């Protein structure tokens, strides 16, 4: 239980009371599902709020903290592209199939988080 509290912060995760209050009928299962969704929603909101606060603090702290995310993004992208391009590509150019899922994950996670986060920050500032 302590691990869950550390992961989800101040979200109340009193699972024992939740399960004790809900038994096995269809209505009670529905109630349990609703309560669990509420707990998960609170945890997600708390996590997003913490990330937002961290990004806001970074942007106010100076040049390096404000630019560490873009610099890291550029560095990791350039290094990964260089490594994947030259890995076994002396002669015929072919990106190894093992790099394709990594590219997909990087593009989806890093770029969407960065650009969606920046868009949300700009919308909030209006």
C-alpha atoms as a PDB file:
ATOM      1  CA  UNK A   1       0.000   0.000   0.000  1.00  0.00           C
ATOM      2  CA  UNK A   2       2.887   2.376   0.743  1.00  0.00           C
ATOM      3  CA  UNK A   3       4.197   1.913  -2.787  1.00  0.00           C
ATOM      4  CA  UNK A   4       0.819   2.953  -4.228  1.00  0.00           C
ATOM      5  CA  UNK A   5       0.744   6.022  -1.996  1.00  0.00           C
ATOM      6  CA  UNK A   6       4.217   6.996  -3.173  1.00  0.00           C
ATOM      7  CA  UNK A   7       3.205   6.524  -6.804  1.00  0.00           C
ATOM      8  CA  UNK A   8      -0.085   8.386  -6.609  1.00  0.00           C
ATOM      9  CA  UNK A   9       0.796  11.098  -4.096  1.00  0.00           C
ATOM     10  CA  UNK A  10      -2.002  12.491  -1.967  1.00  0.00           C
ATOM     11  CA  UNK A  11      -4.732  10.434  -3.613  1.00  0.00           C
ATOM     12  CA  UNK A  12      -6.696   8.465  -1.037  1.00  0.00           C
ATOM     13  CA  UNK A  13      -6.211   4.780  -1.840  1.00  0.00           C
ATOM     14  CA  UNK A  14      -8.174   3.074   0.908  1.00  0.00           C
ATOM     15  CA  UNK A  15      -8.770  -0.124  -1.067  1.00  0.00           C
ATOM     16  CA  UNK A  16      -9.661  -2.221   1.988  1.00  0.00           C
ATOM     17  CA  UNK A  17     -12.578   0.031   2.923  1.00  0.00           C
ATOM     18  CA  UNK A  18     -13.603   0.243  -0.720  1.00  0.00           C
ATOM     19  CA  UNK A  19     -13.770  -3.547  -1.065  1.00  0.00           C
ATOM     20  CA  UNK A  20     -15.441  -3.975   2.338  1.00  0.00           C
ATOM     21  CA  UNK A  21     -18.168  -1.540   1.330  1.00  0.00           C
ATOM     22  CA  UNK A  22     -18.840  -3.327  -1.961  1.00  0.00           C
ATOM     23  CA  UNK A  23     -19.726  -7.005  -2.157  1.00  0.00           C
ATOM     24  CA  UNK A  24     -20.775  -9.091  -5.177  1.00  0.00           C
ATOM     25  CA  UNK A  25     -24.157  -7.975  -6.523  1.00  0.00           C
ATOM     26  CA  UNK A  26     -24.326  -6.303  -9.914  1.00  0.00           C
ATOM     27  CA  UNK A  27     -25.186  -2.944  -8.375  1.00  0.00           C
ATOM     28  CA  UNK A  28     -22.334  -3.190  -5.901  1.00  0.00           C
ATOM     29  CA  UNK A  29     -19.892  -4.153  -8.674  1.00  0.00           C
ATOM     30  CA  UNK A  30     -21.041  -1.103 -10.612  1.00  0.00           C
ATOM     31  CA  UNK A  31     -20.404   1.044  -7.536  1.00  0.00           C
ATOM     32  CA  UNK A  32     -16.937  -0.465  -7.146  1.00  0.00           C
ATOM     33  CA  UNK A  33     -16.109   0.239 -10.782  1.00  0.00           C
ATOM     34  CA  UNK A  34     -17.220   3.846 -10.416  1.00  0.00           C
ATOM     35  CA  UNK A  35     -15.161   4.323  -7.252  1.00  0.00           C
ATOM     36  CA  UNK A  36     -12.090   2.741  -8.830  1.00  0.00           C
ATOM     37  CA  UNK A  37     -12.461   4.975 -11.890  1.00  0.00           C
ATOM     38  CA  UNK A  38     -12.647   7.977  -9.589  1.00  0.00           C
ATOM     39  CA  UNK A  39      -9.466   6.934  -7.781  1.00  0.00           C
ATOM     40  CA  UNK A  40      -7.628   6.384 -11.056  1.00  0.00           C
ATOM     41  CA  UNK A  41      -8.889   9.691 -12.402  1.00  0.00           C
ATOM     42  CA  UNK A  42      -7.682  11.511  -9.286  1.00  0.00           C
ATOM     43  CA  UNK A  43      -4.279   9.837  -9.605  1.00  0.00           C
ATOM     44  CA  UNK A  44      -4.000  10.846 -13.263  1.00  0.00           C
ATOM     45  CA  UNK A  45      -5.021  14.429 -12.496  1.00  0.00           C
ATOM     46  CA  UNK A  46      -2.505  14.589  -9.657  1.00  0.00           C
ATOM     47  CA  UNK A  47       0.290  13.286 -11.879  1.00  0.00           C
ATOM     48  CA  UNK A  48      -0.544  15.751 -14.656  1.00  0.00           C
ATOM     49  CA  UNK A  49      -0.669  18.626 -12.187  1.00  0.00           C
ATOM     50  CA  UNK A  50       2.754  17.688 -10.802  1.00  0.00           C
ATOM     51  CA  UNK A  51       4.261  17.573 -14.295  1.00  0.00           C
ATOM     52  CA  UNK A  52       2.727  20.945 -15.119  1.00  0.00           C
ATOM     53  CA  UNK A  53       4.080  22.490 -11.914  1.00  0.00           C
ATOM     54  CA  UNK A  54       7.538  21.070 -12.622  1.00  0.00           C
ATOM     55  CA  UNK A  55       7.518  22.489 -16.180  1.00  0.00           C
ATOM     56  CA  UNK A  56       6.329  25.866 -14.918  1.00  0.00           C
ATOM     57  CA  UNK A  57       9.078  25.927 -12.280  1.00  0.00           C
ATOM     58  CA  UNK A  58      11.655  24.997 -14.921  1.00  0.00           C
ATOM     59  CA  UNK A  59      10.557  27.818 -17.196  1.00  0.00           C
ATOM     60  CA  UNK A  60      10.930  30.401 -14.399  1.00  0.00           C
ATOM     61  CA  UNK A  61      14.306  29.174 -13.103  1.00  0.00           C
ATOM     62  CA  UNK A  62      16.601  30.486 -15.855  1.00  0.00           C
ATOM     63  CA  UNK A  63      17.902  29.676 -19.301  1.00  0.00           C
ATOM     64  CA  UNK A  64      19.202  26.131 -18.727  1.00  0.00           C
ATOM     65  CA  UNK A  65      16.220  24.779 -16.742  1.00  0.00           C
ATOM     66  CA  UNK A  66      13.843  26.414 -19.230  1.00  0.00           C
ATOM     67  CA  UNK A  67      15.629  24.842 -22.198  1.00  0.00           C
ATOM     68  CA  UNK A  68      16.672  21.475 -20.801  1.00  0.00           C
ATOM     69  CA  UNK A  69      13.665  19.654 -22.303  1.00  0.00           C
ATOM     70  CA  UNK A  70      14.186  20.995 -25.839  1.00  0.00           C
ATOM     71  CA  UNK A  71      17.954  20.436 -25.609  1.00  0.00           C
ATOM     72  CA  UNK A  72      17.430  16.873 -24.383  1.00  0.00           C
ATOM     73  CA  UNK A  73      14.906  16.259 -27.135  1.00  0.00           C
ATOM     74  CA  UNK A  74      17.315  17.478 -29.810  1.00  0.00           C
ATOM     75  CA  UNK A  75      20.302  15.625 -28.345  1.00  0.00           C
ATOM     76  CA  UNK A  76      18.529  12.274 -28.005  1.00  0.00           C
ATOM     77  CA  UNK A  77      16.946  12.575 -31.438  1.00  0.00           C
ATOM     78  CA  UNK A  78      20.226  13.427 -33.167  1.00  0.00           C
ATOM     79  CA  UNK A  79      22.229  10.734 -31.378  1.00  0.00           C
ATOM     80  CA  UNK A  80      19.604   8.050 -31.990  1.00  0.00           C
ATOM     81  CA  UNK A  81      19.279   8.967 -35.670  1.00  0.00           C
ATOM     82  CA  UNK A  82      23.058   8.914 -36.143  1.00  0.00           C
ATOM     83  CA  UNK A  83      23.418   5.553 -34.401  1.00  0.00           C
ATOM     84  CA  UNK A  84      20.512   3.960 -36.261  1.00  0.00           C
ATOM     85  CA  UNK A  85      21.695   5.293 -39.633  1.00  0.00           C
ATOM     86  CA  UNK A  86      25.265   4.042 -39.277  1.00  0.00           C
ATOM     87  CA  UNK A  87      24.508   0.725 -37.564  1.00  0.00           C
ATOM     88  CA  UNK A  88      25.521  -1.775 -40.232  1.00  0.00           C
ATOM     89  CA  UNK A  89      24.994   0.670 -43.076  1.00  0.00           C
ATOM     90  CA  UNK A  90      28.381   0.550 -44.725  1.00  0.00           C
ATOM     91  CA  UNK A  91      27.269   0.096 -48.332  1.00  0.00           C
ATOM     92  CA  UNK A  92      23.527  -0.423 -48.780  1.00  0.00           C
ATOM     93  CA  UNK A  93      21.374   1.807 -46.611  1.00  0.00           C
ATOM     94  CA  UNK A  94      18.795  -0.053 -44.552  1.00  0.00           C
ATOM     95  CA  UNK A  95      17.441   0.790 -41.112  1.00  0.00           C
ATOM     96  CA  UNK A  96      17.395  -2.357 -39.029  1.00  0.00           C
ATOM     97  CA  UNK A  97      13.868  -3.567 -38.218  1.00  0.00           C
ATOM     98  CA  UNK A  98      14.803  -3.560 -34.536  1.00  0.00           C
ATOM     99  CA  UNK A  99      14.952   0.260 -34.618  1.00  0.00           C
ATOM    100  CA  UNK A 100      11.439   0.734 -36.021  1.00  0.00           C
ATOM    101  CA  UNK A 101       9.514   0.116 -32.740  1.00  0.00           C
ATOM    102  CA  UNK A 102      11.974   2.405 -30.952  1.00  0.00           C
ATOM    103  CA  UNK A 103      11.369   5.150 -33.500  1.00  0.00           C
ATOM    104  CA  UNK A 104       7.613   4.679 -33.149  1.00  0.00           C
ATOM    105  CA  UNK A 105       7.745   4.857 -29.360  1.00  0.00           C
ATOM    106  CA  UNK A 106      10.058   7.865 -29.361  1.00  0.00           C
ATOM    107  CA  UNK A 107       7.961   9.762 -31.859  1.00  0.00           C
ATOM    108  CA  UNK A 108       4.719   9.004 -30.078  1.00  0.00           C
ATOM    109  CA  UNK A 109       5.854   9.655 -26.510  1.00  0.00           C
ATOM    110  CA  UNK A 110       8.460  12.370 -26.723  1.00  0.00           C
ATOM    111  CA  UNK A 111       7.072  14.506 -29.494  1.00  0.00           C
ATOM    112  CA  UNK A 112       3.437  14.249 -28.439  1.00  0.00           C
ATOM    113  CA  UNK A 113       4.291  14.973 -24.800  1.00  0.00           C
ATOM    114  CA  UNK A 114       6.521  17.880 -25.726  1.00  0.00           C
ATOM    115  CA  UNK A 115       4.285  19.533 -28.295  1.00  0.00           C
ATOM    116  CA  UNK A 116       0.999  18.748 -26.526  1.00  0.00           C
ATOM    117  CA  UNK A 117       2.505  20.045 -23.295  1.00  0.00           C
ATOM    118  CA  UNK A 118       3.654  23.237 -24.981  1.00  0.00           C
ATOM    119  CA  UNK A 119       0.227  23.715 -26.576  1.00  0.00           C
ATOM    120  CA  UNK A 120      -1.522  23.261 -23.237  1.00  0.00           C
ATOM    121  CA  UNK A 121       0.873  25.734 -21.593  1.00  0.00           C
ATOM    122  CA  UNK A 122       0.120  28.305 -24.312  1.00  0.00           C
ATOM    123  CA  UNK A 123      -3.638  27.793 -23.985  1.00  0.00           C
ATOM    124  CA  UNK A 124      -3.446  28.166 -20.192  1.00  0.00           C
ATOM    125  CA  UNK A 125      -1.505  31.425 -20.529  1.00  0.00           C
ATOM    126  CA  UNK A 126      -4.221  33.054 -22.679  1.00  0.00           C
END
